[in-house]
Amino acid sequence: MSKERLEEIQKDVNYAYRRDGSINTKAITMHIEHYEHLYEQAERVPVLEFYKQDWMLVTEQNKRYRESMKKLKQMVNDSEVDCGMICDEIREMALESESE
């Protein structure tokens, strides 16, 4: 939802305040277009929360992959590391990613 749309809704909604500062909800009026827009946005929240969890998981996996690639690059540039050691490291990384 854009900031402009929220400001438009806020401007168009009329609140009736009580003396204690609370809002009398029976006096709130809103254009039907604003109501429908807010309703649609509220329906999207569970979907966005689901994708947020997936995004966090993917972000964490990418971080581990970057660290693994950095480690492999260091191994390749190390003259004391042979191909067998590198292959073992790759195999371990593959097994870790399968278990996720």
N, C-alpha and C. Protein backbone atom coordinates (compact mmCIF):
# COMPACT_ATOMS: atom_id res chain seq x y z
N MET A 1 0.85 -1.17 0.00
CA MET A 1 0.00 0.00 0.00
C MET A 1 0.89 1.23 0.00
N SER A 2 0.58 2.14 -0.89
CA SER A 2 1.41 3.31 -0.99
C SER A 2 1.13 4.30 0.13
N LYS A 3 2.13 5.08 0.45
CA LYS A 3 1.99 6.09 1.50
C LYS A 3 0.93 7.11 1.11
N GLU A 4 0.90 7.45 -0.17
CA GLU A 4 -0.10 8.41 -0.64
C GLU A 4 -1.52 7.90 -0.43
N ARG A 5 -1.72 6.61 -0.71
CA ARG A 5 -3.05 6.02 -0.53
C ARG A 5 -3.45 6.04 0.94
N LEU A 6 -2.53 5.73 1.82
CA LEU A 6 -2.82 5.78 3.26
C LEU A 6 -3.18 7.20 3.70
N GLU A 7 -2.43 8.17 3.20
CA GLU A 7 -2.72 9.56 3.56
C GLU A 7 -4.10 9.98 3.05
N GLU A 8 -4.45 9.51 1.86
CA GLU A 8 -5.77 9.83 1.31
C GLU A 8 -6.87 9.22 2.17
N ILE A 9 -6.68 7.97 2.57
CA ILE A 9 -7.67 7.30 3.42
C ILE A 9 -7.77 8.01 4.76
N GLN A 10 -6.62 8.33 5.35
CA GLN A 10 -6.62 9.01 6.64
C GLN A 10 -7.35 10.35 6.56
N LYS A 11 -7.14 11.06 5.49
CA LYS A 11 -7.79 12.36 5.32
C LYS A 11 -9.31 12.21 5.18
N ASP A 12 -9.72 11.18 4.45
CA ASP A 12 -11.14 11.01 4.16
C ASP A 12 -11.95 10.36 5.28
N VAL A 13 -11.28 9.69 6.20
CA VAL A 13 -11.99 9.04 7.31
C VAL A 13 -12.24 10.08 8.40
N ASN A 14 -13.47 10.15 8.85
CA ASN A 14 -13.84 11.11 9.88
C ASN A 14 -13.98 10.39 11.21
N TYR A 15 -13.22 10.83 12.22
CA TYR A 15 -13.29 10.23 13.55
C TYR A 15 -14.09 11.14 14.48
N ALA A 16 -14.88 10.53 15.33
CA ALA A 16 -15.58 11.29 16.36
C ALA A 16 -14.92 10.94 17.69
N TYR A 17 -14.19 11.87 18.26
CA TYR A 17 -13.47 11.62 19.49
C TYR A 17 -14.34 11.89 20.70
N ARG A 18 -14.20 11.03 21.69
CA ARG A 18 -14.89 11.23 22.97
C ARG A 18 -14.02 12.14 23.84
N ARG A 19 -14.56 12.56 24.92
CA ARG A 19 -13.80 13.44 25.82
C ARG A 19 -12.56 12.75 26.39
N ASP A 20 -12.62 11.44 26.58
CA ASP A 20 -11.46 10.74 27.15
C ASP A 20 -10.39 10.44 26.09
N GLY A 21 -10.61 10.85 24.86
CA GLY A 21 -9.62 10.66 23.81
C GLY A 21 -9.80 9.39 23.00
N SER A 22 -10.74 8.53 23.39
CA SER A 22 -10.96 7.30 22.62
C SER A 22 -11.79 7.62 21.37
N ILE A 23 -11.85 6.68 20.46
CA ILE A 23 -12.55 6.89 19.20
C ILE A 23 -13.92 6.24 19.27
N ASN A 24 -14.92 6.97 18.87
CA ASN A 24 -16.27 6.43 18.78
C ASN A 24 -16.38 5.77 17.40
N THR A 25 -16.27 4.46 17.37
CA THR A 25 -16.22 3.76 16.08
C THR A 25 -17.54 3.82 15.34
N LYS A 26 -18.62 4.10 16.00
CA LYS A 26 -19.90 4.19 15.32
C LYS A 26 -19.98 5.42 14.43
N ALA A 27 -19.10 6.37 14.64
CA ALA A 27 -19.14 7.61 13.86
C ALA A 27 -18.13 7.62 12.72
N ILE A 28 -17.42 6.52 12.48
CA ILE A 28 -16.42 6.49 11.42
C ILE A 28 -17.12 6.29 10.08
N THR A 29 -16.77 7.12 9.13
CA THR A 29 -17.28 6.95 7.76
C THR A 29 -16.08 6.81 6.84
N MET A 30 -16.28 6.03 5.77
CA MET A 30 -15.18 5.78 4.85
C MET A 30 -15.77 5.51 3.47
N HIS A 31 -15.09 5.99 2.45
CA HIS A 31 -15.52 5.69 1.08
C HIS A 31 -15.40 4.19 0.86
N ILE A 32 -16.31 3.62 0.11
CA ILE A 32 -16.31 2.19 -0.16
C ILE A 32 -15.01 1.76 -0.84
N GLU A 33 -14.45 2.62 -1.69
CA GLU A 33 -13.20 2.27 -2.38
C GLU A 33 -12.06 2.10 -1.38
N HIS A 34 -12.03 2.96 -0.36
CA HIS A 34 -11.00 2.84 0.67
C HIS A 34 -11.18 1.55 1.46
N TYR A 35 -12.43 1.28 1.81
CA TYR A 35 -12.71 0.05 2.57
C TYR A 35 -12.28 -1.17 1.78
N GLU A 36 -12.64 -1.23 0.50
CA GLU A 36 -12.29 -2.38 -0.33
C GLU A 36 -10.78 -2.52 -0.46
N HIS A 37 -10.10 -1.39 -0.62
CA HIS A 37 -8.64 -1.43 -0.73
C HIS A 37 -8.01 -1.98 0.55
N LEU A 38 -8.45 -1.47 1.70
CA LEU A 38 -7.92 -1.95 2.98
C LEU A 38 -8.23 -3.43 3.18
N TYR A 39 -9.41 -3.87 2.79
CA TYR A 39 -9.80 -5.26 2.92
C TYR A 39 -8.89 -6.15 2.06
N GLU A 40 -8.65 -5.73 0.82
CA GLU A 40 -7.76 -6.49 -0.06
C GLU A 40 -6.35 -6.59 0.53
N GLN A 41 -5.86 -5.49 1.10
CA GLN A 41 -4.53 -5.51 1.70
C GLN A 41 -4.48 -6.47 2.90
N ALA A 42 -5.53 -6.47 3.70
CA ALA A 42 -5.59 -7.36 4.86
C ALA A 42 -5.60 -8.82 4.42
N GLU A 43 -6.26 -9.12 3.31
CA GLU A 43 -6.29 -10.49 2.81
C GLU A 43 -4.90 -10.95 2.35
N ARG A 44 -4.07 -10.02 1.93
CA ARG A 44 -2.73 -10.36 1.45
C ARG A 44 -1.75 -10.70 2.57
N VAL A 45 -2.02 -10.28 3.78
CA VAL A 45 -1.07 -10.44 4.88
C VAL A 45 -0.64 -11.89 5.09
N PRO A 46 -1.56 -12.87 5.19
CA PRO A 46 -1.09 -14.25 5.39
C PRO A 46 -0.17 -14.74 4.27
N VAL A 47 -0.46 -14.37 3.05
CA VAL A 47 0.38 -14.78 1.92
C VAL A 47 1.77 -14.15 2.04
N LEU A 48 1.80 -12.87 2.37
CA LEU A 48 3.08 -12.18 2.52
C LEU A 48 3.89 -12.76 3.68
N GLU A 49 3.23 -13.12 4.78
CA GLU A 49 3.93 -13.74 5.91
C GLU A 49 4.53 -15.07 5.50
N PHE A 50 3.79 -15.85 4.69
CA PHE A 50 4.29 -17.14 4.21
C PHE A 50 5.55 -16.94 3.38
N TYR A 51 5.51 -15.99 2.44
CA TYR A 51 6.68 -15.74 1.60
C TYR A 51 7.83 -15.12 2.38
N LYS A 52 7.53 -14.38 3.43
CA LYS A 52 8.58 -13.81 4.26
C LYS A 52 9.40 -14.92 4.92
N GLN A 53 8.70 -15.97 5.39
CA GLN A 53 9.41 -17.10 6.01
C GLN A 53 10.30 -17.78 4.98
N ASP A 54 9.77 -18.00 3.77
CA ASP A 54 10.57 -18.61 2.71
C ASP A 54 11.78 -17.74 2.36
N TRP A 55 11.55 -16.44 2.30
CA TRP A 55 12.63 -15.50 1.96
C TRP A 55 13.74 -15.58 3.00
N MET A 56 13.36 -15.65 4.27
CA MET A 56 14.37 -15.73 5.33
C MET A 56 15.16 -17.02 5.23
N LEU A 57 14.50 -18.12 4.89
CA LEU A 57 15.18 -19.40 4.73
C LEU A 57 16.16 -19.34 3.56
N VAL A 58 15.72 -18.79 2.45
CA VAL A 58 16.59 -18.68 1.27
C VAL A 58 17.77 -17.77 1.56
N THR A 59 17.53 -16.68 2.28
CA THR A 59 18.61 -15.77 2.63
C THR A 59 19.66 -16.47 3.48
N GLU A 60 19.22 -17.27 4.44
CA GLU A 60 20.16 -18.01 5.29
C GLU A 60 20.94 -19.04 4.47
N GLN A 61 20.25 -19.74 3.56
CA GLN A 61 20.93 -20.71 2.71
C GLN A 61 21.97 -20.02 1.83
N ASN A 62 21.61 -18.89 1.25
CA ASN A 62 22.57 -18.17 0.41
C ASN A 62 23.81 -17.75 1.20
N LYS A 63 23.60 -17.35 2.44
CA LYS A 63 24.73 -16.97 3.29
C LYS A 63 25.67 -18.16 3.49
N ARG A 64 25.09 -19.33 3.78
CA ARG A 64 25.92 -20.53 3.96
C ARG A 64 26.64 -20.90 2.67
N TYR A 65 25.95 -20.79 1.52
CA TYR A 65 26.58 -21.11 0.25
C TYR A 65 27.74 -20.18 -0.05
N ARG A 66 27.55 -18.89 0.22
CA ARG A 66 28.65 -17.94 0.00
C ARG A 66 29.86 -18.29 0.87
N GLU A 67 29.59 -18.63 2.12
CA GLU A 67 30.69 -19.01 3.02
C GLU A 67 31.38 -20.27 2.53
N SER A 68 30.59 -21.23 2.03
CA SER A 68 31.16 -22.47 1.51
C SER A 68 32.01 -22.22 0.27
N MET A 69 31.51 -21.36 -0.61
CA MET A 69 32.28 -21.04 -1.81
C MET A 69 33.59 -20.33 -1.47
N LYS A 70 33.53 -19.46 -0.48
CA LYS A 70 34.75 -18.77 -0.04
C LYS A 70 35.76 -19.79 0.50
N LYS A 71 35.27 -20.75 1.27
CA LYS A 71 36.15 -21.79 1.82
C LYS A 71 36.75 -22.63 0.70
N LEU A 72 35.92 -23.00 -0.29
CA LEU A 72 36.44 -23.78 -1.41
C LEU A 72 37.48 -23.00 -2.20
N LYS A 73 37.25 -21.73 -2.40
CA LYS A 73 38.22 -20.90 -3.13
C LYS A 73 39.55 -20.86 -2.40
N GLN A 74 39.51 -20.76 -1.08
CA GLN A 74 40.74 -20.75 -0.30
C GLN A 74 41.44 -22.10 -0.41
N MET A 75 40.65 -23.18 -0.41
CA MET A 75 41.25 -24.52 -0.54
C MET A 75 41.93 -24.69 -1.90
N VAL A 76 41.29 -24.19 -2.96
CA VAL A 76 41.85 -24.33 -4.31
C VAL A 76 43.17 -23.57 -4.41
N ASN A 77 43.25 -22.43 -3.76
CA ASN A 77 44.47 -21.62 -3.82
C ASN A 77 45.55 -22.08 -2.86
N ASP A 78 45.24 -23.04 -2.00
CA ASP A 78 46.22 -23.56 -1.03
C ASP A 78 46.99 -24.71 -1.68
N SER A 79 48.28 -24.57 -1.78
CA SER A 79 49.11 -25.59 -2.45
C SER A 79 49.16 -26.90 -1.67
N GLU A 80 48.82 -26.88 -0.39
CA GLU A 80 48.87 -28.11 0.41
C GLU A 80 47.58 -28.91 0.35
N VAL A 81 46.55 -28.38 -0.32
CA VAL A 81 45.27 -29.07 -0.44
C VAL A 81 45.22 -29.77 -1.78
N ASP A 82 44.86 -31.08 -1.75
CA ASP A 82 44.76 -31.81 -3.01
C ASP A 82 43.30 -31.92 -3.46
N CYS A 83 43.10 -32.43 -4.65
CA CYS A 83 41.76 -32.53 -5.24
C CYS A 83 40.83 -33.41 -4.41
N GLY A 84 41.39 -34.44 -3.81
CA GLY A 84 40.57 -35.34 -2.98
C GLY A 84 39.97 -34.60 -1.79
N MET A 85 40.73 -33.72 -1.17
CA MET A 85 40.23 -32.95 -0.03
C MET A 85 39.11 -32.01 -0.47
N ILE A 86 39.30 -31.41 -1.64
CA ILE A 86 38.28 -30.50 -2.16
C ILE A 86 37.00 -31.28 -2.48
N CYS A 87 37.15 -32.45 -3.10
CA CYS A 87 35.98 -33.29 -3.41
C CYS A 87 35.26 -33.71 -2.14
N ASP A 88 35.99 -34.06 -1.09
CA ASP A 88 35.38 -34.43 0.18
C ASP A 88 34.58 -33.25 0.76
N GLU A 89 35.14 -32.06 0.65
CA GLU A 89 34.46 -30.87 1.16
C GLU A 89 33.17 -30.62 0.38
N ILE A 90 33.23 -30.76 -0.93
CA ILE A 90 32.04 -30.56 -1.77
C ILE A 90 30.98 -31.61 -1.42
N ARG A 91 31.39 -32.83 -1.21
CA ARG A 91 30.46 -33.91 -0.86
C ARG A 91 29.77 -33.59 0.47
N GLU A 92 30.52 -33.12 1.45
CA GLU A 92 29.93 -32.75 2.75
C GLU A 92 28.93 -31.61 2.60
N MET A 93 29.27 -30.64 1.77
CA MET A 93 28.36 -29.51 1.54
C MET A 93 27.06 -29.99 0.89
N ALA A 94 27.20 -30.91 -0.07
CA ALA A 94 26.01 -31.44 -0.76
C ALA A 94 25.12 -32.19 0.23
N LEU A 95 25.73 -32.99 1.10
CA LEU A 95 24.95 -33.74 2.08
C LEU A 95 24.24 -32.79 3.06
N GLU A 96 24.92 -31.74 3.45
CA GLU A 96 24.29 -30.73 4.34
C GLU A 96 23.10 -30.07 3.68
N SER A 97 23.24 -29.73 2.39
CA SER A 97 22.14 -29.05 1.70
C SER A 97 20.96 -29.99 1.48
N GLU A 98 21.21 -31.29 1.31
CA GLU A 98 20.12 -32.26 1.15
C GLU A 98 19.33 -32.44 2.45
N SER A 99 20.02 -32.31 3.58
CA SER A 99 19.36 -32.53 4.87
C SER A 99 18.50 -31.34 5.31
N GLU A 100 18.58 -30.22 4.62
CA GLU A 100 17.82 -29.02 4.99
C GLU A 100 16.39 -29.15 4.62
